[in-house]
């Protein structure tokens, strides 16, 4: 993924960029926390996150497996089966 992103803020390495973005995404840290931890400006933290998120999304999209409707129907909670809720409305 490194080749797909042009690092705009050269004072930090690509690894730092990935760490900032993954900490924001995975740990739900506030941008102010990341500003303090990495000694960056708020706009840089925001830009790094906005830069990496689409790259991760495009590259990891293939890892998400959506089951087909028949599998979902076989595994829906009993409550939904008893109330005859249309599965199409849920999906």
N, C-alpha and C. Protein backbone atom coordinates (compact mmCIF):
# COMPACT_ATOMS: atom_id res chain seq x y z
N UNK A 1 0.82 -1.21 0.00
CA UNK A 1 0.00 0.00 0.00
C UNK A 1 0.86 1.26 0.00
N UNK A 2 2.10 1.09 0.37
CA UNK A 2 3.00 2.24 0.47
C UNK A 2 3.11 2.97 -0.87
N UNK A 3 3.08 2.22 -1.97
CA UNK A 3 3.23 2.82 -3.29
C UNK A 3 2.00 3.62 -3.72
N UNK A 4 0.88 3.40 -3.07
CA UNK A 4 -0.36 4.05 -3.49
C UNK A 4 -0.62 5.38 -2.81
N UNK A 5 0.25 5.74 -1.86
CA UNK A 5 0.06 6.99 -1.12
C UNK A 5 1.31 7.83 -1.25
N UNK A 6 1.11 9.08 -1.59
CA UNK A 6 2.22 10.01 -1.64
C UNK A 6 2.25 10.75 -0.31
N UNK A 7 3.33 10.55 0.43
CA UNK A 7 3.46 11.18 1.75
C UNK A 7 3.71 12.66 1.56
N UNK A 8 2.82 13.46 2.11
CA UNK A 8 2.92 14.90 1.94
C UNK A 8 3.74 15.55 3.06
N UNK A 9 3.78 14.91 4.19
CA UNK A 9 4.43 15.50 5.36
C UNK A 9 5.71 14.72 5.63
N UNK A 10 6.78 15.18 5.03
CA UNK A 10 8.03 14.42 5.02
C UNK A 10 8.71 14.35 6.37
N UNK A 11 8.29 15.17 7.35
CA UNK A 11 8.97 15.07 8.64
C UNK A 11 8.61 13.78 9.37
N UNK A 12 7.61 13.09 8.91
CA UNK A 12 7.23 11.81 9.50
C UNK A 12 7.31 10.72 8.43
N UNK A 13 7.66 9.53 8.87
CA UNK A 13 7.79 8.41 7.94
C UNK A 13 6.42 7.85 7.57
N UNK A 14 6.41 7.01 6.56
CA UNK A 14 5.18 6.34 6.16
C UNK A 14 4.66 5.49 7.31
N UNK A 15 5.57 4.87 8.05
CA UNK A 15 5.17 4.05 9.19
C UNK A 15 4.45 4.88 10.25
N UNK A 16 4.91 6.12 10.47
CA UNK A 16 4.22 7.00 11.41
C UNK A 16 2.83 7.36 10.90
N UNK A 17 2.73 7.58 9.61
CA UNK A 17 1.42 7.89 9.02
C UNK A 17 0.45 6.74 9.24
N UNK A 18 0.93 5.52 8.97
CA UNK A 18 0.08 4.34 9.15
C UNK A 18 -0.29 4.20 10.61
N UNK A 19 0.64 4.45 11.51
CA UNK A 19 0.36 4.34 12.94
C UNK A 19 -0.68 5.37 13.38
N UNK A 20 -0.54 6.60 12.94
CA UNK A 20 -1.51 7.64 13.29
C UNK A 20 -2.90 7.25 12.80
N UNK A 21 -2.99 6.86 11.54
CA UNK A 21 -4.30 6.53 10.96
C UNK A 21 -4.90 5.29 11.61
N UNK A 22 -4.08 4.28 11.88
CA UNK A 22 -4.62 3.06 12.48
C UNK A 22 -5.01 3.27 13.94
N UNK A 23 -4.29 4.14 14.66
CA UNK A 23 -4.68 4.44 16.04
C UNK A 23 -5.99 5.20 16.07
N UNK A 24 -6.17 6.09 15.12
CA UNK A 24 -7.44 6.83 15.06
C UNK A 24 -8.59 5.89 14.74
N UNK A 25 -8.38 5.01 13.79
CA UNK A 25 -9.43 4.09 13.37
C UNK A 25 -9.66 2.97 14.38
N UNK A 26 -8.61 2.31 14.80
CA UNK A 26 -8.74 1.14 15.65
C UNK A 26 -9.02 1.43 17.11
N UNK A 27 -8.43 2.49 17.63
CA UNK A 27 -8.59 2.81 19.04
C UNK A 27 -9.59 3.94 19.27
N UNK A 28 -10.09 4.49 18.19
CA UNK A 28 -11.05 5.60 18.25
C UNK A 28 -10.49 6.78 19.06
N UNK A 29 -9.20 7.04 18.86
CA UNK A 29 -8.60 8.17 19.55
C UNK A 29 -9.03 9.48 18.89
N UNK A 30 -9.15 10.50 19.70
CA UNK A 30 -9.47 11.81 19.17
C UNK A 30 -8.24 12.39 18.47
N UNK A 31 -8.48 13.28 17.55
CA UNK A 31 -7.37 13.88 16.82
C UNK A 31 -6.47 14.66 17.76
N UNK A 32 -7.05 15.29 18.78
CA UNK A 32 -6.23 16.04 19.75
C UNK A 32 -5.26 15.12 20.48
N UNK A 33 -5.69 13.90 20.79
CA UNK A 33 -4.79 12.93 21.43
C UNK A 33 -3.62 12.59 20.52
N UNK A 34 -3.91 12.39 19.25
CA UNK A 34 -2.85 12.05 18.29
C UNK A 34 -1.91 13.22 18.05
N UNK A 35 -2.46 14.43 18.07
CA UNK A 35 -1.63 15.63 17.94
C UNK A 35 -0.61 15.67 19.07
N UNK A 36 -1.08 15.40 20.27
CA UNK A 36 -0.22 15.42 21.45
C UNK A 36 0.80 14.28 21.41
N UNK A 37 0.38 13.07 21.07
CA UNK A 37 1.25 11.90 21.08
C UNK A 37 2.36 11.99 20.03
N UNK A 38 2.03 12.52 18.86
CA UNK A 38 2.99 12.53 17.76
C UNK A 38 3.64 13.90 17.53
N UNK A 39 3.17 14.91 18.23
CA UNK A 39 3.74 16.24 18.05
C UNK A 39 3.45 16.83 16.68
N UNK A 40 2.27 16.54 16.16
CA UNK A 40 1.88 17.03 14.84
C UNK A 40 0.83 18.12 14.98
N UNK A 41 0.58 18.80 13.89
CA UNK A 41 -0.51 19.77 13.86
C UNK A 41 -1.82 19.04 13.60
N UNK A 42 -2.91 19.64 14.02
CA UNK A 42 -4.23 19.04 13.87
C UNK A 42 -4.55 18.77 12.40
N UNK A 43 -4.22 19.70 11.53
CA UNK A 43 -4.52 19.51 10.11
C UNK A 43 -3.74 18.35 9.52
N UNK A 44 -2.52 18.13 10.00
CA UNK A 44 -1.71 17.03 9.49
C UNK A 44 -2.32 15.70 9.90
N UNK A 45 -2.75 15.59 11.16
CA UNK A 45 -3.39 14.35 11.62
C UNK A 45 -4.65 14.08 10.80
N UNK A 46 -5.43 15.09 10.57
CA UNK A 46 -6.66 14.94 9.78
C UNK A 46 -6.34 14.53 8.35
N UNK A 47 -5.36 15.16 7.75
CA UNK A 47 -4.99 14.84 6.37
C UNK A 47 -4.43 13.43 6.24
N UNK A 48 -3.63 13.01 7.21
CA UNK A 48 -3.07 11.66 7.18
C UNK A 48 -4.18 10.63 7.24
N UNK A 49 -5.14 10.84 8.13
CA UNK A 49 -6.26 9.91 8.26
C UNK A 49 -7.08 9.88 6.97
N UNK A 50 -7.39 11.04 6.43
CA UNK A 50 -8.19 11.10 5.20
C UNK A 50 -7.43 10.54 4.00
N UNK A 51 -6.13 10.56 4.05
CA UNK A 51 -5.32 10.02 2.97
C UNK A 51 -5.29 8.50 2.99
N UNK A 52 -5.16 7.91 4.18
CA UNK A 52 -5.00 6.47 4.28
C UNK A 52 -6.30 5.70 4.28
N UNK A 53 -7.37 6.27 4.77
CA UNK A 53 -8.62 5.53 4.87
C UNK A 53 -9.12 5.00 3.53
N UNK A 54 -9.16 5.79 2.46
CA UNK A 54 -9.60 5.24 1.17
C UNK A 54 -8.66 4.16 0.63
N UNK A 55 -7.37 4.29 0.90
CA UNK A 55 -6.41 3.28 0.43
C UNK A 55 -6.70 1.95 1.12
N UNK A 56 -6.90 1.98 2.43
CA UNK A 56 -7.23 0.75 3.15
C UNK A 56 -8.55 0.19 2.67
N UNK A 57 -9.52 1.05 2.47
CA UNK A 57 -10.84 0.60 2.02
C UNK A 57 -10.75 -0.13 0.68
N UNK A 58 -10.04 0.45 -0.26
CA UNK A 58 -9.91 -0.18 -1.58
C UNK A 58 -9.15 -1.50 -1.54
N UNK A 59 -8.13 -1.57 -0.71
CA UNK A 59 -7.31 -2.78 -0.66
C UNK A 59 -7.90 -3.89 0.18
N UNK A 60 -8.72 -3.55 1.15
CA UNK A 60 -9.27 -4.57 2.04
C UNK A 60 -10.71 -4.95 1.72
N UNK A 61 -11.27 -4.32 0.73
CA UNK A 61 -12.65 -4.60 0.33
C UNK A 61 -12.85 -6.08 0.01
N UNK A 62 -11.84 -6.71 -0.58
CA UNK A 62 -11.94 -8.12 -0.95
C UNK A 62 -11.97 -9.04 0.26
N UNK A 63 -11.55 -8.56 1.43
CA UNK A 63 -11.52 -9.38 2.63
C UNK A 63 -12.89 -9.50 3.30
N UNK A 64 -13.81 -8.63 2.92
CA UNK A 64 -15.14 -8.66 3.52
C UNK A 64 -16.00 -9.66 2.75
N UNK A 65 -16.52 -10.63 3.47
CA UNK A 65 -17.33 -11.67 2.85
C UNK A 65 -18.78 -11.46 3.28
N UNK A 66 -19.64 -11.26 2.32
CA UNK A 66 -21.07 -11.11 2.58
C UNK A 66 -21.75 -12.44 2.27
N UNK A 67 -22.41 -13.04 3.25
CA UNK A 67 -23.10 -14.31 2.98
C UNK A 67 -24.31 -14.08 2.09
N UNK A 68 -24.69 -15.13 1.35
CA UNK A 68 -25.86 -14.98 0.49
C UNK A 68 -27.14 -15.08 1.33
N UNK A 69 -28.25 -14.73 0.74
CA UNK A 69 -29.53 -14.65 1.47
C UNK A 69 -29.96 -15.97 2.08
N UNK A 70 -29.69 -17.07 1.41
CA UNK A 70 -30.13 -18.36 1.96
C UNK A 70 -29.40 -18.67 3.27
N UNK A 71 -28.14 -18.34 3.35
CA UNK A 71 -27.40 -18.55 4.59
C UNK A 71 -27.94 -17.64 5.69
N UNK A 72 -28.24 -16.41 5.34
CA UNK A 72 -28.80 -15.48 6.32
C UNK A 72 -30.15 -15.97 6.82
N UNK A 73 -31.00 -16.40 5.91
CA UNK A 73 -32.33 -16.90 6.31
C UNK A 73 -32.23 -18.08 7.26
N UNK A 74 -31.24 -18.94 7.05
CA UNK A 74 -31.07 -20.11 7.91
C UNK A 74 -30.53 -19.75 9.29
N UNK A 75 -29.99 -18.57 9.43
CA UNK A 75 -29.35 -18.20 10.70
C UNK A 75 -29.96 -16.97 11.36
N UNK A 76 -31.09 -16.50 10.89
CA UNK A 76 -31.70 -15.34 11.54
C UNK A 76 -32.28 -15.75 12.90
N UNK A 77 -32.37 -14.83 13.82
CA UNK A 77 -32.93 -15.15 15.14
C UNK A 77 -34.38 -15.65 15.03
N UNK A 78 -34.75 -16.49 15.97
CA UNK A 78 -36.10 -17.08 15.98
C UNK A 78 -37.16 -15.99 16.01
N UNK A 79 -36.90 -14.93 16.73
CA UNK A 79 -37.88 -13.84 16.83
C UNK A 79 -38.28 -13.31 15.45
N UNK A 80 -37.32 -13.18 14.57
CA UNK A 80 -37.61 -12.69 13.22
C UNK A 80 -38.42 -13.71 12.43
N UNK A 81 -38.14 -14.97 12.66
CA UNK A 81 -38.90 -16.01 11.97
C UNK A 81 -40.34 -16.03 12.46
N UNK A 82 -40.53 -15.90 13.76
CA UNK A 82 -41.88 -15.95 14.35
C UNK A 82 -42.74 -14.77 13.92
N UNK A 83 -42.14 -13.62 13.77
CA UNK A 83 -42.91 -12.43 13.41
C UNK A 83 -43.06 -12.26 11.91
N UNK A 84 -42.49 -13.17 11.14
CA UNK A 84 -42.55 -13.12 9.67
C UNK A 84 -42.08 -11.79 9.11
N UNK A 85 -41.00 -11.30 9.67
CA UNK A 85 -40.42 -10.05 9.17
C UNK A 85 -39.75 -10.34 7.84
N UNK A 86 -40.02 -9.48 6.89
CA UNK A 86 -39.43 -9.65 5.56
C UNK A 86 -37.93 -9.47 5.62
N UNK A 87 -37.20 -10.49 5.26
CA UNK A 87 -35.72 -10.45 5.32
C UNK A 87 -35.16 -9.39 4.39
N UNK A 88 -35.88 -9.08 3.33
CA UNK A 88 -35.44 -8.05 2.38
C UNK A 88 -35.35 -6.68 3.03
N UNK A 89 -36.18 -6.42 4.04
CA UNK A 89 -36.14 -5.15 4.72
C UNK A 89 -34.90 -5.03 5.61
N UNK A 90 -34.43 -6.15 6.11
CA UNK A 90 -33.26 -6.16 6.96
C UNK A 90 -32.00 -6.01 6.13
N UNK A 91 -31.99 -6.64 5.00
CA UNK A 91 -30.81 -6.58 4.14
C UNK A 91 -30.91 -5.36 3.31
